[in-house]
Amino acid sequence: MTPLIYLLLCIVFTSIGQVLLKIGSRSKYGGIMTYLNTYTVCGYLSLFLVTIFSVLALKGFELKLLYVLMSLNFVLIMGLSKIVLGEPVTGRKIIATVLICLGIVIFNL
């Protein structure tokens, strides 16, 4: 696979992992079961995969560019949190998303 595919996988799996951790944090069980429920474990596994994919993506991207592009996961997280968790998309979140996208464009000029 190409480094671009690994970068996209990093963005997707980071977003999925964060949403899974949020769902897992809502566990009705307290204590250690908050960390051992299915959603939390899958969230951590997803973030572990991100570590592997980011190492592979570094073969084709400079470090600073990779992490600038990975900020797109915030945009995806906002969308997933709306779809999966039913969280509201406020004006502030939209402005923040636009600023992230503008930052990426300006960085790459």
C-alpha atoms as a PDB file:
ATOM      1  CA  MET A   1       0.000   0.000   0.000  1.00  0.00           C
ATOM      2  CA  THR A   2       1.064   3.567  -0.541  1.00  0.00           C
ATOM      3  CA  PRO A   3       1.861   6.014   2.269  1.00  0.00           C
ATOM      4  CA  LEU A   4      -1.270   7.986   1.321  1.00  0.00           C
ATOM      5  CA  ILE A   5      -3.448   4.954   2.044  1.00  0.00           C
ATOM      6  CA  TYR A   6      -1.720   4.544   5.412  1.00  0.00           C
ATOM      7  CA  LEU A   7      -2.366   8.225   6.165  1.00  0.00           C
ATOM      8  CA  LEU A   8      -6.059   7.837   5.347  1.00  0.00           C
ATOM      9  CA  LEU A   9      -6.217   4.731   7.525  1.00  0.00           C
ATOM     10  CA  CYS A  10      -4.633   6.728  10.361  1.00  0.00           C
ATOM     11  CA  ILE A  11      -7.285   9.422  10.057  1.00  0.00           C
ATOM     12  CA  VAL A  12     -10.167   6.939   9.886  1.00  0.00           C
ATOM     13  CA  PHE A  13      -8.966   4.669  12.681  1.00  0.00           C
ATOM     14  CA  THR A  14      -8.140   7.612  14.964  1.00  0.00           C
ATOM     15  CA  SER A  15     -11.662   8.921  14.529  1.00  0.00           C
ATOM     16  CA  ILE A  16     -13.271   5.529  15.039  1.00  0.00           C
ATOM     17  CA  GLY A  17     -11.096   4.875  18.078  1.00  0.00           C
ATOM     18  CA  GLN A  18     -12.057   8.175  19.694  1.00  0.00           C
ATOM     19  CA  VAL A  19     -15.765   7.548  19.153  1.00  0.00           C
ATOM     20  CA  LEU A  20     -15.457   4.019  20.547  1.00  0.00           C
ATOM     21  CA  LEU A  21     -13.674   5.345  23.629  1.00  0.00           C
ATOM     22  CA  LYS A  22     -16.461   7.887  24.144  1.00  0.00           C
ATOM     23  CA  ILE A  23     -19.085   5.136  23.901  1.00  0.00           C
ATOM     24  CA  GLY A  24     -17.050   2.936  26.243  1.00  0.00           C
ATOM     25  CA  SER A  25     -16.780   5.725  28.795  1.00  0.00           C
ATOM     26  CA  ARG A  26     -20.561   5.656  29.127  1.00  0.00           C
ATOM     27  CA  SER A  27     -20.372   2.155  30.600  1.00  0.00           C
ATOM     28  CA  LYS A  28     -23.033   1.501  33.186  1.00  0.00           C
ATOM     29  CA  TYR A  29     -20.465  -0.464  35.136  1.00  0.00           C
ATOM     30  CA  GLY A  30     -17.929   1.429  37.165  1.00  0.00           C
ATOM     31  CA  GLY A  31     -14.359   0.772  38.113  1.00  0.00           C
ATOM     32  CA  ILE A  32     -12.203  -1.500  36.014  1.00  0.00           C
ATOM     33  CA  MET A  33     -15.109  -2.473  33.717  1.00  0.00           C
ATOM     34  CA  THR A  34     -14.992   1.043  32.271  1.00  0.00           C
ATOM     35  CA  TYR A  35     -11.647   0.025  30.768  1.00  0.00           C
ATOM     36  CA  LEU A  36     -12.503  -3.547  29.900  1.00  0.00           C
ATOM     37  CA  ASN A  37     -15.812  -3.177  28.073  1.00  0.00           C
ATOM     38  CA  THR A  38     -15.953  -4.069  24.393  1.00  0.00           C
ATOM     39  CA  TYR A  39     -16.121  -0.485  23.117  1.00  0.00           C
ATOM     40  CA  THR A  40     -13.133   0.698  25.132  1.00  0.00           C
ATOM     41  CA  VAL A  41     -10.984  -2.300  24.198  1.00  0.00           C
ATOM     42  CA  CYS A  42     -11.877  -1.880  20.509  1.00  0.00           C
ATOM     43  CA  GLY A  43     -11.113   1.836  20.772  1.00  0.00           C
ATOM     44  CA  TYR A  44      -7.658   1.122  22.151  1.00  0.00           C
ATOM     45  CA  LEU A  45      -7.059  -1.533  19.481  1.00  0.00           C
ATOM     46  CA  SER A  46      -8.027   1.005  16.843  1.00  0.00           C
ATOM     47  CA  LEU A  47      -5.529   3.499  18.247  1.00  0.00           C
ATOM     48  CA  PHE A  48      -2.874   0.773  18.327  1.00  0.00           C
ATOM     49  CA  LEU A  49      -3.458   0.248  14.594  1.00  0.00           C
ATOM     50  CA  VAL A  50      -3.010   3.998  14.116  1.00  0.00           C
ATOM     51  CA  THR A  51       0.459   3.683  15.615  1.00  0.00           C
ATOM     52  CA  ILE A  52       1.384   1.013  13.075  1.00  0.00           C
ATOM     53  CA  PHE A  53      -0.164   2.873  10.134  1.00  0.00           C
ATOM     54  CA  SER A  54       1.516   6.151  11.105  1.00  0.00           C
ATOM     55  CA  VAL A  55       4.942   4.492  11.125  1.00  0.00           C
ATOM     56  CA  LEU A  56       4.234   3.131   7.640  1.00  0.00           C
ATOM     57  CA  ALA A  57       2.900   6.513   6.465  1.00  0.00           C
ATOM     58  CA  LEU A  58       6.107   8.204   7.619  1.00  0.00           C
ATOM     59  CA  LYS A  59       7.931   6.435   4.794  1.00  0.00           C
ATOM     60  CA  GLY A  60       6.238   8.743   2.297  1.00  0.00           C
ATOM     61  CA  PHE A  61       5.624  11.957   4.241  1.00  0.00           C
ATOM     62  CA  GLU A  62       7.696  14.384   6.216  1.00  0.00           C
ATOM     63  CA  LEU A  63       6.857  14.267   9.911  1.00  0.00           C
ATOM     64  CA  LYS A  64       5.499  17.825  10.039  1.00  0.00           C
ATOM     65  CA  LEU A  65       3.299  17.278   6.977  1.00  0.00           C
ATOM     66  CA  LEU A  66       1.976  13.959   8.287  1.00  0.00           C
ATOM     67  CA  TYR A  67       0.759  15.479  11.531  1.00  0.00           C
ATOM     68  CA  VAL A  68      -0.731  18.507   9.809  1.00  0.00           C
ATOM     69  CA  LEU A  69      -2.747  16.196   7.555  1.00  0.00           C
ATOM     70  CA  MET A  70      -3.710  14.007  10.498  1.00  0.00           C
ATOM     71  CA  SER A  71      -5.522  16.993  11.983  1.00  0.00           C
ATOM     72  CA  LEU A  72      -8.264  16.066   9.518  1.00  0.00           C
ATOM     73  CA  ASN A  73      -9.301  13.456  12.061  1.00  0.00           C
ATOM     74  CA  PHE A  74     -10.952  16.281  14.041  1.00  0.00           C
ATOM     75  CA  VAL A  75     -13.218  16.931  11.074  1.00  0.00           C
ATOM     76  CA  LEU A  76     -14.121  13.255  10.808  1.00  0.00           C
ATOM     77  CA  ILE A  77     -14.627  12.957  14.567  1.00  0.00           C
ATOM     78  CA  MET A  78     -17.128  15.805  14.437  1.00  0.00           C
ATOM     79  CA  GLY A  79     -19.082  14.037  11.716  1.00  0.00           C
ATOM     80  CA  LEU A  80     -18.984  10.677  13.464  1.00  0.00           C
ATOM     81  CA  SER A  81     -19.999  12.186  16.783  1.00  0.00           C
ATOM     82  CA  LYS A  82     -23.041  13.703  15.073  1.00  0.00           C
ATOM     83  CA  ILE A  83     -23.989  10.474  13.274  1.00  0.00           C
ATOM     84  CA  VAL A  84     -23.116   7.870  15.913  1.00  0.00           C
ATOM     85  CA  LEU A  85     -23.479   9.737  19.203  1.00  0.00           C
ATOM     86  CA  GLY A  86     -26.109  12.272  18.188  1.00  0.00           C
ATOM     87  CA  GLU A  87     -23.989  15.185  19.446  1.00  0.00           C
ATOM     88  CA  PRO A  88     -24.946  18.600  18.102  1.00  0.00           C
ATOM     89  CA  VAL A  89     -22.864  20.382  15.471  1.00  0.00           C
ATOM     90  CA  THR A  90     -22.649  23.930  16.750  1.00  0.00           C
ATOM     91  CA  GLY A  91     -21.498  27.069  14.992  1.00  0.00           C
ATOM     92  CA  ARG A  92     -18.263  26.983  16.973  1.00  0.00           C
ATOM     93  CA  LYS A  93     -17.525  23.459  15.772  1.00  0.00           C
ATOM     94  CA  ILE A  94     -18.131  24.472  12.170  1.00  0.00           C
ATOM     95  CA  ILE A  95     -15.843  27.491  12.541  1.00  0.00           C
ATOM     96  CA  ALA A  96     -13.176  25.278  14.125  1.00  0.00           C
ATOM     97  CA  THR A  97     -13.488  22.785  11.272  1.00  0.00           C
ATOM     98  CA  VAL A  98     -13.131  25.539   8.683  1.00  0.00           C
ATOM     99  CA  LEU A  99     -10.068  26.879  10.511  1.00  0.00           C
ATOM    100  CA  ILE A 100      -8.491  23.415  10.562  1.00  0.00           C
ATOM    101  CA  CYS A 101      -9.053  23.045   6.818  1.00  0.00           C
ATOM    102  CA  LEU A 102      -7.730  26.551   6.123  1.00  0.00           C
ATOM    103  CA  GLY A 103      -4.678  25.797   8.272  1.00  0.00           C
ATOM    104  CA  ILE A 104      -3.938  22.712   6.225  1.00  0.00           C
ATOM    105  CA  VAL A 105      -4.287  24.648   2.969  1.00  0.00           C
ATOM    106  CA  ILE A 106      -2.096  27.522   4.195  1.00  0.00           C
ATOM    107  CA  PHE A 107       0.517  25.102   5.549  1.00  0.00           C
ATOM    108  CA  ASN A 108       0.783  23.427   2.160  1.00  0.00           C
ATOM    109  CA  LEU A 109       1.174  26.614   0.092  1.00  0.00           C
END
